[in-house]
Amino acid sequence: MKVDELITEAITEFLDVEIHGDTGELDFFSKINIVQKRMMDKVKKNSDFYGMESNTFEYEMFFSSNPNDMIKIDGWLPIDTAKIEKADKIDEYVKIGLLRKIERSTAA
């Protein structure tokens, strides 16, 4: 899936949250948090569809939208650590919270 398709999906989720009766009284920030969680769940459950083969990734990286972005898509994204120039810094990146190890579910 391309970035523009991912953004379109997030906008669709936002519109769903915006018109849903149960969320009508929530403030904008709360609605954005709902969209953020839905998008993270979608990417994790359907990583192949979103262009990521999650089984091949050992770490995920925190990413954050720009402060002026109307729709925030902040969260964790699987990352190919082989593409990190300074692979010896991975432990340091984990310590500062930029990367985290992907926890695999052992339940079948």
PDB file of N, CA and C in Angstrom:
ATOM      1  N   MET A   1       0.849  -1.179   0.000  1.00  0.00           N
ATOM      2  CA  MET A   1       0.000   0.000   0.000  1.00  0.00           C
ATOM      3  C   MET A   1       0.888   1.233   0.000  1.00  0.00           C
ATOM      4  N   LYS A   2       0.518   2.197  -0.772  1.00  0.00           N
ATOM      5  CA  LYS A   2       1.275   3.432  -0.869  1.00  0.00           C
ATOM      6  C   LYS A   2       0.903   4.372   0.270  1.00  0.00           C
ATOM      7  N   VAL A   3       1.775   5.337   0.519  1.00  0.00           N
ATOM      8  CA  VAL A   3       1.543   6.295   1.606  1.00  0.00           C
ATOM      9  C   VAL A   3       0.228   7.031   1.408  1.00  0.00           C
ATOM     10  N   ASP A   4      -0.071   7.430   0.172  1.00  0.00           N
ATOM     11  CA  ASP A   4      -1.321   8.152  -0.053  1.00  0.00           C
ATOM     12  C   ASP A   4      -2.532   7.284   0.254  1.00  0.00           C
ATOM     13  N   GLU A   5      -2.422   5.967   0.009  1.00  0.00           N
ATOM     14  CA  GLU A   5      -3.520   5.064   0.352  1.00  0.00           C
ATOM     15  C   GLU A   5      -3.661   4.930   1.866  1.00  0.00           C
ATOM     16  N   LEU A   6      -2.546   4.902   2.566  1.00  0.00           N
ATOM     17  CA  LEU A   6      -2.573   4.835   4.023  1.00  0.00           C
ATOM     18  C   LEU A   6      -3.206   6.095   4.603  1.00  0.00           C
ATOM     19  N   ILE A   7      -2.864   7.243   4.040  1.00  0.00           N
ATOM     20  CA  ILE A   7      -3.450   8.507   4.496  1.00  0.00           C
ATOM     21  C   ILE A   7      -4.945   8.526   4.211  1.00  0.00           C
ATOM     22  N   THR A   8      -5.332   8.062   3.035  1.00  0.00           N
ATOM     23  CA  THR A   8      -6.762   7.994   2.699  1.00  0.00           C
ATOM     24  C   THR A   8      -7.498   7.100   3.677  1.00  0.00           C
ATOM     25  N   GLU A   9      -6.887   5.988   4.041  1.00  0.00           N
ATOM     26  CA  GLU A   9      -7.486   5.082   5.033  1.00  0.00           C
ATOM     27  C   GLU A   9      -7.654   5.776   6.377  1.00  0.00           C
ATOM     28  N   ALA A  10      -6.644   6.542   6.787  1.00  0.00           N
ATOM     29  CA  ALA A  10      -6.728   7.276   8.062  1.00  0.00           C
ATOM     30  C   ALA A  10      -7.824   8.329   8.010  1.00  0.00           C
ATOM     31  N   ILE A  11      -7.951   9.009   6.885  1.00  0.00           N
ATOM     32  CA  ILE A  11      -9.009  10.020   6.743  1.00  0.00           C
ATOM     33  C   ILE A  11     -10.376   9.356   6.795  1.00  0.00           C
ATOM     34  N   THR A  12     -10.499   8.205   6.165  1.00  0.00           N
ATOM     35  CA  THR A  12     -11.758   7.464   6.208  1.00  0.00           C
ATOM     36  C   THR A  12     -12.102   7.089   7.644  1.00  0.00           C
ATOM     37  N   GLU A  13     -11.105   6.627   8.393  1.00  0.00           N
ATOM     38  CA  GLU A  13     -11.331   6.296   9.801  1.00  0.00           C
ATOM     39  C   GLU A  13     -11.748   7.536  10.591  1.00  0.00           C
ATOM     40  N   PHE A  14     -11.101   8.659  10.310  1.00  0.00           N
ATOM     41  CA  PHE A  14     -11.451   9.896  11.014  1.00  0.00           C
ATOM     42  C   PHE A  14     -12.886  10.296  10.724  1.00  0.00           C
ATOM     43  N   LEU A  15     -13.288  10.209   9.472  1.00  0.00           N
ATOM     44  CA  LEU A  15     -14.663  10.565   9.124  1.00  0.00           C
ATOM     45  C   LEU A  15     -15.657   9.648   9.819  1.00  0.00           C
ATOM     46  N   ASP A  16     -15.317   8.359   9.914  1.00  0.00           N
ATOM     47  CA  ASP A  16     -16.179   7.414  10.621  1.00  0.00           C
ATOM     48  C   ASP A  16     -16.323   7.800  12.092  1.00  0.00           C
ATOM     49  N   VAL A  17     -15.205   8.167  12.710  1.00  0.00           N
ATOM     50  CA  VAL A  17     -15.228   8.590  14.114  1.00  0.00           C
ATOM     51  C   VAL A  17     -16.021   9.891  14.251  1.00  0.00           C
ATOM     52  N   GLU A  18     -15.836  10.791  13.301  1.00  0.00           N
ATOM     53  CA  GLU A  18     -16.470  12.104  13.348  1.00  0.00           C
ATOM     54  C   GLU A  18     -18.001  12.003  13.293  1.00  0.00           C
ATOM     55  N   ILE A  19     -18.536  11.075  12.501  1.00  0.00           N
ATOM     56  CA  ILE A  19     -19.991  11.002  12.354  1.00  0.00           C
ATOM     57  C   ILE A  19     -20.644   9.968  13.264  1.00  0.00           C
ATOM     58  N   HIS A  20     -19.849   9.169  13.947  1.00  0.00           N
ATOM     59  CA  HIS A  20     -20.407   8.121  14.812  1.00  0.00           C
ATOM     60  C   HIS A  20     -21.052   8.751  16.039  1.00  0.00           C
ATOM     61  N   GLY A  21     -22.256   8.336  16.344  1.00  0.00           N
ATOM     62  CA  GLY A  21     -23.005   8.908  17.467  1.00  0.00           C
ATOM     63  C   GLY A  21     -22.308   8.785  18.813  1.00  0.00           C
ATOM     64  N   ASP A  22     -21.595   7.692  19.030  1.00  0.00           N
ATOM     65  CA  ASP A  22     -20.945   7.475  20.327  1.00  0.00           C
ATOM     66  C   ASP A  22     -19.748   8.390  20.546  1.00  0.00           C
ATOM     67  N   THR A  23     -19.218   8.973  19.492  1.00  0.00           N
ATOM     68  CA  THR A  23     -18.039   9.824  19.626  1.00  0.00           C
ATOM     69  C   THR A  23     -18.352  11.296  19.376  1.00  0.00           C
ATOM     70  N   GLY A  24     -19.608  11.606  19.143  1.00  0.00           N
ATOM     71  CA  GLY A  24     -20.006  12.971  18.798  1.00  0.00           C
ATOM     72  C   GLY A  24     -19.631  14.016  19.828  1.00  0.00           C
ATOM     73  N   GLU A  25     -19.595  13.652  21.092  1.00  0.00           N
ATOM     74  CA  GLU A  25     -19.299  14.606  22.160  1.00  0.00           C
ATOM     75  C   GLU A  25     -17.815  14.708  22.501  1.00  0.00           C
ATOM     76  N   LEU A  26     -16.996  13.869  21.874  1.00  0.00           N
ATOM     77  CA  LEU A  26     -15.558  13.883  22.174  1.00  0.00           C
ATOM     78  C   LEU A  26     -14.882  15.083  21.537  1.00  0.00           C
ATOM     79  N   ASP A  27     -13.790  15.541  22.162  1.00  0.00           N
ATOM     80  CA  ASP A  27     -13.020  16.636  21.570  1.00  0.00           C
ATOM     81  C   ASP A  27     -12.148  16.086  20.432  1.00  0.00           C
ATOM     82  N   PHE A  28     -11.581  16.988  19.652  1.00  0.00           N
ATOM     83  CA  PHE A  28     -10.807  16.630  18.474  1.00  0.00           C
ATOM     84  C   PHE A  28      -9.642  15.712  18.821  1.00  0.00           C
ATOM     85  N   PHE A  29      -8.922  16.020  19.898  1.00  0.00           N
ATOM     86  CA  PHE A  29      -7.766  15.220  20.306  1.00  0.00           C
ATOM     87  C   PHE A  29      -8.180  13.778  20.608  1.00  0.00           C
ATOM     88  N   SER A  30      -9.300  13.596  21.283  1.00  0.00           N
ATOM     89  CA  SER A  30      -9.775  12.246  21.608  1.00  0.00           C
ATOM     90  C   SER A  30     -10.126  11.464  20.347  1.00  0.00           C
ATOM     91  N   LYS A  31     -10.716  12.164  19.379  1.00  0.00           N
ATOM     92  CA  LYS A  31     -11.049  11.505  18.115  1.00  0.00           C
ATOM     93  C   LYS A  31      -9.786  11.091  17.366  1.00  0.00           C
ATOM     94  N   ILE A  32      -8.787  11.935  17.396  1.00  0.00           N
ATOM     95  CA  ILE A  32      -7.509  11.613  16.751  1.00  0.00           C
ATOM     96  C   ILE A  32      -6.886  10.382  17.412  1.00  0.00           C
ATOM     97  N   ASN A  33      -6.979  10.294  18.724  1.00  0.00           N
ATOM     98  CA  ASN A  33      -6.445   9.124  19.437  1.00  0.00           C
ATOM     99  C   ASN A  33      -7.151   7.845  19.017  1.00  0.00           C
ATOM    100  N   ILE A  34      -8.454   7.923  18.797  1.00  0.00           N
ATOM    101  CA  ILE A  34      -9.205   6.754  18.339  1.00  0.00           C
ATOM    102  C   ILE A  34      -8.712   6.326  16.958  1.00  0.00           C
ATOM    103  N   VAL A  35      -8.559   7.294  16.061  1.00  0.00           N
ATOM    104  CA  VAL A  35      -8.070   7.004  14.708  1.00  0.00           C
ATOM    105  C   VAL A  35      -6.671   6.410  14.767  1.00  0.00           C
ATOM    106  N   GLN A  36      -5.827   6.980  15.604  1.00  0.00           N
ATOM    107  CA  GLN A  36      -4.456   6.485  15.746  1.00  0.00           C
ATOM    108  C   GLN A  36      -4.463   5.016  16.152  1.00  0.00           C
ATOM    109  N   LYS A  37      -5.259   4.667  17.140  1.00  0.00           N
ATOM    110  CA  LYS A  37      -5.313   3.284  17.609  1.00  0.00           C
ATOM    111  C   LYS A  37      -5.859   2.367  16.515  1.00  0.00           C
ATOM    112  N   ARG A  38      -6.906   2.801  15.835  1.00  0.00           N
ATOM    113  CA  ARG A  38      -7.464   1.977  14.756  1.00  0.00           C
ATOM    114  C   ARG A  38      -6.437   1.723  13.660  1.00  0.00           C
ATOM    115  N   MET A  39      -5.684   2.753  13.291  1.00  0.00           N
ATOM    116  CA  MET A  39      -4.693   2.597  12.228  1.00  0.00           C
ATOM    117  C   MET A  39      -3.559   1.671  12.667  1.00  0.00           C
ATOM    118  N   MET A  40      -3.110   1.813  13.899  1.00  0.00           N
ATOM    119  CA  MET A  40      -2.053   0.919  14.390  1.00  0.00           C
ATOM    120  C   MET A  40      -2.542  -0.519  14.399  1.00  0.00           C
ATOM    121  N   ASP A  41      -3.793  -0.732  14.829  1.00  0.00           N
ATOM    122  CA  ASP A  41      -4.358  -2.077  14.833  1.00  0.00           C
ATOM    123  C   ASP A  41      -4.452  -2.640  13.418  1.00  0.00           C
ATOM    124  N   LYS A  42      -4.900  -1.808  12.477  1.00  0.00           N
ATOM    125  CA  LYS A  42      -5.021  -2.263  11.090  1.00  0.00           C
ATOM    126  C   LYS A  42      -3.662  -2.653  10.517  1.00  0.00           C
ATOM    127  N   VAL A  43      -2.661  -1.843  10.748  1.00  0.00           N
ATOM    128  CA  VAL A  43      -1.337  -2.134  10.205  1.00  0.00           C
ATOM    129  C   VAL A  43      -0.778  -3.407  10.827  1.00  0.00           C
ATOM    130  N   LYS A  44      -0.957  -3.575  12.129  1.00  0.00           N
ATOM    131  CA  LYS A  44      -0.428  -4.772  12.789  1.00  0.00           C
ATOM    132  C   LYS A  44      -1.170  -6.033  12.350  1.00  0.00           C
ATOM    133  N   LYS A  45      -2.496  -5.942  12.179  1.00  0.00           N
ATOM    134  CA  LYS A  45      -3.278  -7.118  11.791  1.00  0.00           C
ATOM    135  C   LYS A  45      -3.118  -7.460  10.317  1.00  0.00           C
ATOM    136  N   ASN A  46      -2.881  -6.465   9.485  1.00  0.00           N
ATOM    137  CA  ASN A  46      -2.804  -6.668   8.037  1.00  0.00           C
ATOM    138  C   ASN A  46      -1.505  -6.104   7.482  1.00  0.00           C
ATOM    139  N   SER A  47      -0.393  -6.461   8.104  1.00  0.00           N
ATOM    140  CA  SER A  47       0.882  -5.859   7.713  1.00  0.00           C
ATOM    141  C   SER A  47       1.246  -6.141   6.261  1.00  0.00           C
ATOM    142  N   ASP A  48       0.885  -7.293   5.735  1.00  0.00           N
ATOM    143  CA  ASP A  48       1.184  -7.603   4.332  1.00  0.00           C
ATOM    144  C   ASP A  48       0.417  -6.660   3.407  1.00  0.00           C
ATOM    145  N   PHE A  49      -0.836  -6.391   3.734  1.00  0.00           N
ATOM    146  CA  PHE A  49      -1.662  -5.486   2.937  1.00  0.00           C
ATOM    147  C   PHE A  49      -1.086  -4.079   2.931  1.00  0.00           C
ATOM    148  N   TYR A  50      -0.524  -3.668   4.051  1.00  0.00           N
ATOM    149  CA  TYR A  50       0.033  -2.323   4.159  1.00  0.00           C
ATOM    150  C   TYR A  50       1.494  -2.268   3.714  1.00  0.00           C
ATOM    151  N   GLY A  51       1.944  -3.302   3.024  1.00  0.00           N
ATOM    152  CA  GLY A  51       3.282  -3.269   2.441  1.00  0.00           C
ATOM    153  C   GLY A  51       4.398  -3.658   3.385  1.00  0.00           C
ATOM    154  N   MET A  52       4.061  -4.313   4.482  1.00  0.00           N
ATOM    155  CA  MET A  52       5.078  -4.707   5.446  1.00  0.00           C
ATOM    156  C   MET A  52       4.884  -6.169   5.812  1.00  0.00           C
ATOM    157  N   GLU A  53       5.891  -6.961   5.645  1.00  0.00           N
ATOM    158  CA  GLU A  53       5.832  -8.343   6.076  1.00  0.00           C
ATOM    159  C   GLU A  53       6.347  -8.382   7.504  1.00  0.00           C
ATOM    160  N   SER A  54       5.428  -8.287   8.453  1.00  0.00           N
ATOM    161  CA  SER A  54       5.808  -8.106   9.851  1.00  0.00           C
ATOM    162  C   SER A  54       6.639  -9.248  10.420  1.00  0.00           C
ATOM    163  N   ASN A  55       6.486 -10.432   9.871  1.00  0.00           N
ATOM    164  CA  ASN A  55       7.254 -11.555  10.394  1.00  0.00           C
ATOM    165  C   ASN A  55       8.746 -11.412  10.135  1.00  0.00           C
ATOM    166  N   THR A  56       9.110 -10.554   9.190  1.00  0.00           N
ATOM    167  CA  THR A  56      10.517 -10.397   8.860  1.00  0.00           C
ATOM    168  C   THR A  56      11.181  -9.292   9.683  1.00  0.00           C
ATOM    169  N   PHE A  57      10.411  -8.541  10.422  1.00  0.00           N
ATOM    170  CA  PHE A  57      10.959  -7.424  11.173  1.00  0.00           C
ATOM    171  C   PHE A  57      11.109  -7.773  12.643  1.00  0.00           C
ATOM    172  N   GLU A  58      12.228  -7.367  13.201  1.00  0.00           N
ATOM    173  CA  GLU A  58      12.514  -7.627  14.607  1.00  0.00           C
ATOM    174  C   GLU A  58      12.194  -6.410  15.477  1.00  0.00           C
ATOM    175  N   TYR A  59      12.265  -5.212  14.878  1.00  0.00           N
ATOM    176  CA  TYR A  59      12.039  -3.969  15.616  1.00  0.00           C
ATOM    177  C   TYR A  59      11.003  -3.109  14.912  1.00  0.00           C
ATOM    178  N   GLU A  60      10.403  -2.229  15.676  1.00  0.00           N
ATOM    179  CA  GLU A  60       9.555  -1.196  15.100  1.00  0.00           C
ATOM    180  C   GLU A  60      10.040   0.152  15.614  1.00  0.00           C
ATOM    181  N   MET A  61       9.811   1.181  14.795  1.00  0.00           N
ATOM    182  CA  MET A  61      10.307   2.516  15.100  1.00  0.00           C
ATOM    183  C   MET A  61       9.133   3.453  15.353  1.00  0.00           C
ATOM    184  N   PHE A  62       9.304   4.350  16.312  1.00  0.00           N
ATOM    185  CA  PHE A  62       8.270   5.339  16.589  1.00  0.00           C
ATOM    186  C   PHE A  62       8.338   6.426  15.534  1.00  0.00           C
ATOM    187  N   PHE A  63       7.195   6.785  14.995  1.00  0.00           N
ATOM    188  CA  PHE A  63       7.141   7.899  14.063  1.00  0.00           C
ATOM    189  C   PHE A  63       6.068   8.863  14.535  1.00  0.00           C
ATOM    190  N   SER A  64       6.216  10.102  14.166  1.00  0.00           N
ATOM    191  CA  SER A  64       5.303  11.133  14.636  1.00  0.00           C
ATOM    192  C   SER A  64       4.984  12.100  13.504  1.00  0.00           C
ATOM    193  N   SER A  65       3.715  12.450  13.401  1.00  0.00           N
ATOM    194  CA  SER A  65       3.284  13.433  12.409  1.00  0.00           C
ATOM    195  C   SER A  65       3.792  14.812  12.794  1.00  0.00           C
ATOM    196  N   ASN A  66       3.797  15.715  11.842  1.00  0.00           N
ATOM    197  CA  ASN A  66       4.164  17.095  12.118  1.00  0.00           C
ATOM    198  C   ASN A  66       3.093  17.761  12.979  1.00  0.00           C
ATOM    199  N   PRO A  67       3.478  18.709  13.822  1.00  0.00           N
ATOM    200  CA  PRO A  67       2.502  19.360  14.702  1.00  0.00           C
ATOM    201  C   PRO A  67       1.339  20.017  13.959  1.00  0.00           C
ATOM    202  N   ASN A  68       1.566  20.479  12.747  1.00  0.00           N
ATOM    203  CA  ASN A  68       0.507  21.160  12.003  1.00  0.00           C
ATOM    204  C   ASN A  68      -0.356  20.226  11.167  1.00  0.00           C
ATOM    205  N   ASP A  69      -0.045  18.936  11.147  1.00  0.00           N
ATOM    206  CA  ASP A  69      -0.856  18.003  10.375  1.00  0.00           C
ATOM    207  C   ASP A  69      -2.253  17.915  10.973  1.00  0.00           C
ATOM    208  N   MET A  70      -3.255  18.020  10.113  1.00  0.00           N
ATOM    209  CA  MET A  70      -4.632  17.971  10.607  1.00  0.00           C
ATOM    210  C   MET A  70      -4.954  16.604  11.195  1.00  0.00           C
ATOM    211  N   ILE A  71      -4.483  15.565  10.535  1.00  0.00           N
ATOM    212  CA  ILE A  71      -4.730  14.210  11.015  1.00  0.00           C
ATOM    213  C   ILE A  71      -3.393  13.615  11.436  1.00  0.00           C
ATOM    214  N   LYS A  72      -3.334  13.202  12.683  1.00  0.00           N
ATOM    215  CA  LYS A  72      -2.098  12.643  13.235  1.00  0.00           C
ATOM    216  C   LYS A  72      -2.080  11.133  13.021  1.00  0.00           C
ATOM    217  N   ILE A  73      -0.967  10.660  12.541  1.00  0.00           N
ATOM    218  CA  ILE A  73      -0.757   9.221  12.420  1.00  0.00           C
ATOM    219  C   ILE A  73       0.538   8.922  13.157  1.00  0.00           C
ATOM    220  N   ASP A  74       0.470   8.972  14.464  1.00  0.00           N
ATOM    221  CA  ASP A  74       1.640   8.727  15.299  1.00  0.00           C
ATOM    222  C   ASP A  74       1.590   7.287  15.783  1.00  0.00           C
ATOM    223  N   GLY A  75       2.726   6.667  15.867  1.00  0.00           N
ATOM    224  CA  GLY A  75       2.739   5.312  16.388  1.00  0.00           C
ATOM    225  C   GLY A  75       3.988   4.559  15.988  1.00  0.00           C
ATOM    226  N   TRP A  76       3.884   3.249  16.018  1.00  0.00           N
ATOM    227  CA  TRP A  76       5.013   2.362  15.781  1.00  0.00           C
ATOM    228  C   TRP A  76       4.867   1.690  14.429  1.00  0.00           C
ATOM    229  N   LEU A  77       5.969   1.639  13.689  1.00  0.00           N
ATOM    230  CA  LEU A  77       5.976   1.067  12.355  1.00  0.00           C
ATOM    231  C   LEU A  77       7.131   0.074  12.258  1.00  0.00           C
ATOM    232  N   PRO A  78       6.872  -1.165  11.782  1.00  0.00           N
ATOM    233  CA  PRO A  78       7.973  -2.122  11.629  1.00  0.00           C
ATOM    234  C   PRO A  78       9.063  -1.542  10.734  1.00  0.00           C
ATOM    235  N   ILE A  79      10.305  -1.825  11.089  1.00  0.00           N
ATOM    236  CA  ILE A  79      11.433  -1.255  10.350  1.00  0.00           C
ATOM    237  C   ILE A  79      12.466  -2.337  10.043  1.00  0.00           C
ATOM    238  N   ASP A  80      13.017  -2.251   8.862  1.00  0.00           N
ATOM    239  CA  ASP A  80      14.083  -3.161   8.452  1.00  0.00           C
ATOM    240  C   ASP A  80      15.394  -2.625   9.030  1.00  0.00           C
ATOM    241  N   THR A  81      15.853  -3.220  10.107  1.00  0.00           N
ATOM    242  CA  THR A  81      17.053  -2.713  10.784  1.00  0.00           C
ATOM    243  C   THR A  81      18.309  -2.908   9.937  1.00  0.00           C
ATOM    244  N   ALA A  82      18.238  -3.742   8.901  1.00  0.00           N
ATOM    245  CA  ALA A  82      19.388  -3.898   8.005  1.00  0.00           C
ATOM    246  C   ALA A  82      19.655  -2.609   7.234  1.00  0.00           C
ATOM    247  N   LYS A  83      18.646  -1.740   7.162  1.00  0.00           N
ATOM    248  CA  LYS A  83      18.803  -0.477   6.439  1.00  0.00           C
ATOM    249  C   LYS A  83      19.298   0.657   7.335  1.00  0.00           C
ATOM    250  N   ILE A  84      19.476   0.377   8.625  1.00  0.00           N
ATOM    251  CA  ILE A  84      19.999   1.402   9.532  1.00  0.00           C
ATOM    252  C   ILE A  84      21.511   1.483   9.327  1.00  0.00           C
ATOM    253  N   GLU A  85      21.996   2.671   8.995  1.00  0.00           N
ATOM    254  CA  GLU A  85      23.429   2.848   8.722  1.00  0.00           C
ATOM    255  C   GLU A  85      24.306   2.452   9.896  1.00  0.00           C
ATOM    256  N   LYS A  86      23.903   2.849  11.080  1.00  0.00           N
ATOM    257  CA  LYS A  86      24.704   2.569  12.271  1.00  0.00           C
ATOM    258  C   LYS A  86      24.022   1.483  13.097  1.00  0.00           C
ATOM    259  N   ALA A  87      24.077   0.258  12.592  1.00  0.00           N
ATOM    260  CA  ALA A  87      23.416  -0.866  13.257  1.00  0.00           C
ATOM    261  C   ALA A  87      23.931  -1.082  14.672  1.00  0.00           C
ATOM    262  N   ASP A  88      25.152  -0.657  14.949  1.00  0.00           N
ATOM    263  CA  ASP A  88      25.707  -0.814  16.289  1.00  0.00           C
ATOM    264  C   ASP A  88      25.000   0.104  17.290  1.00  0.00           C
ATOM    265  N   LYS A  89      24.182   1.026  16.805  1.00  0.00           N
ATOM    266  CA  LYS A  89      23.453   1.961  17.674  1.00  0.00           C
ATOM    267  C   LYS A  89      22.050   1.474  18.037  1.00  0.00           C
ATOM    268  N   ILE A  90      21.648   0.304  17.548  1.00  0.00           N
ATOM    269  CA  ILE A  90      20.290  -0.184  17.785  1.00  0.00           C
ATOM    270  C   ILE A  90      19.967  -0.241  19.273  1.00  0.00           C
ATOM    271  N   ASP A  91      20.880  -0.773  20.097  1.00  0.00           N
ATOM    272  CA  ASP A  91      20.628  -0.834  21.538  1.00  0.00           C
ATOM    273  C   ASP A  91      20.400   0.556  22.122  1.00  0.00           C
ATOM    274  N   GLU A  92      21.168   1.532  21.644  1.00  0.00           N
ATOM    275  CA  GLU A  92      21.000   2.914  22.105  1.00  0.00           C
ATOM    276  C   GLU A  92      19.636   3.460  21.683  1.00  0.00           C
ATOM    277  N   TYR A  93      19.221   3.159  20.447  1.00  0.00           N
ATOM    278  CA  TYR A  93      17.916   3.615  19.964  1.00  0.00           C
ATOM    279  C   TYR A  93      16.781   3.012  20.790  1.00  0.00           C
ATOM    280  N   VAL A  94      16.955   1.758  21.210  1.00  0.00           N
ATOM    281  CA  VAL A  94      15.948   1.109  22.061  1.00  0.00           C
ATOM    282  C   VAL A  94      15.886   1.809  23.416  1.00  0.00           C
ATOM    283  N   LYS A  95      17.049   2.126  23.986  1.00  0.00           N
ATOM    284  CA  LYS A  95      17.101   2.782  25.297  1.00  0.00           C
ATOM    285  C   LYS A  95      16.413   4.137  25.299  1.00  0.00           C
ATOM    286  N   ILE A  96      16.548   4.889  24.198  1.00  0.00           N
ATOM    287  CA  ILE A  96      15.930   6.220  24.170  1.00  0.00           C
ATOM    288  C   ILE A  96      14.474   6.183  23.691  1.00  0.00           C
ATOM    289  N   GLY A  97      13.992   4.990  23.319  1.00  0.00           N
ATOM    290  CA  GLY A  97      12.591   4.847  22.946  1.00  0.00           C
ATOM    291  C   GLY A  97      12.281   5.077  21.475  1.00  0.00           C
ATOM    292  N   LEU A  98      13.291   5.186  20.642  1.00  0.00           N
ATOM    293  CA  LEU A  98      13.063   5.359  19.208  1.00  0.00           C
ATOM    294  C   LEU A  98      12.693   4.034  18.550  1.00  0.00           C
ATOM    295  N   LEU A  99      13.294   2.957  19.032  1.00  0.00           N
ATOM    296  CA  LEU A  99      12.982   1.607  18.547  1.00  0.00           C
ATOM    297  C   LEU A  99      12.494   0.760  19.700  1.00  0.00           C
ATOM    298  N   ARG A 100      11.719  -0.259  19.359  1.00  0.00           N
ATOM    299  CA  ARG A 100      11.358  -1.270  20.349  1.00  0.00           C
ATOM    300  C   ARG A 100      11.260  -2.613  19.641  1.00  0.00           C
ATOM    301  N   LYS A 101      11.554  -3.655  20.386  1.00  0.00           N
ATOM    302  CA  LYS A 101      11.518  -5.007  19.842  1.00  0.00           C
ATOM    303  C   LYS A 101      10.052  -5.415  19.639  1.00  0.00           C
ATOM    304  N   ILE A 102       9.779  -6.036  18.524  1.00  0.00           N
ATOM    305  CA  ILE A 102       8.415  -6.493  18.234  1.00  0.00           C
ATOM    306  C   ILE A 102       8.165  -7.762  19.024  1.00  0.00           C
ATOM    307  N   GLU A 103       7.090  -7.738  19.786  1.00  0.00           N
ATOM    308  CA  GLU A 103       6.731  -8.911  20.565  1.00  0.00           C
ATOM    309  C   GLU A 103       5.856  -9.810  19.704  1.00  0.00           C
ATOM    310  N   ARG A 104       6.281 -11.029  19.554  1.00  0.00           N
ATOM    311  CA  ARG A 104       5.540 -12.008  18.740  1.00  0.00           C
ATOM    312  C   ARG A 104       4.543 -12.744  19.624  1.00  0.00           C
ATOM    313  N   SER A 105       3.379 -12.944  19.098  1.00  0.00           N
ATOM    314  CA  SER A 105       2.357 -13.719  19.803  1.00  0.00           C
ATOM    315  C   SER A 105       2.685 -15.200  19.622  1.00  0.00           C
ATOM    316  N   THR A 106       2.686 -15.935  20.712  1.00  0.00           N
ATOM    317  CA  THR A 106       2.972 -17.369  20.624  1.00  0.00           C
ATOM    318  C   THR A 106       1.692 -18.185  20.530  1.00  0.00           C
ATOM    319  N   ALA A 107       0.545 -17.523  20.698  1.00  0.00           N
ATOM    320  CA  ALA A 107      -0.739 -18.226  20.593  1.00  0.00           C
ATOM    321  C   ALA A 107      -1.059 -18.498  19.132  1.00  0.00           C
ATOM    322  N   ALA A 108      -1.584 -19.670  18.881  1.00  0.00           N
ATOM    323  CA  ALA A 108      -1.925 -20.017  17.493  1.00  0.00           C
ATOM    324  C   ALA A 108      -3.391 -19.883  17.241  1.00  0.00           C
TER     325      ALA A 108
END
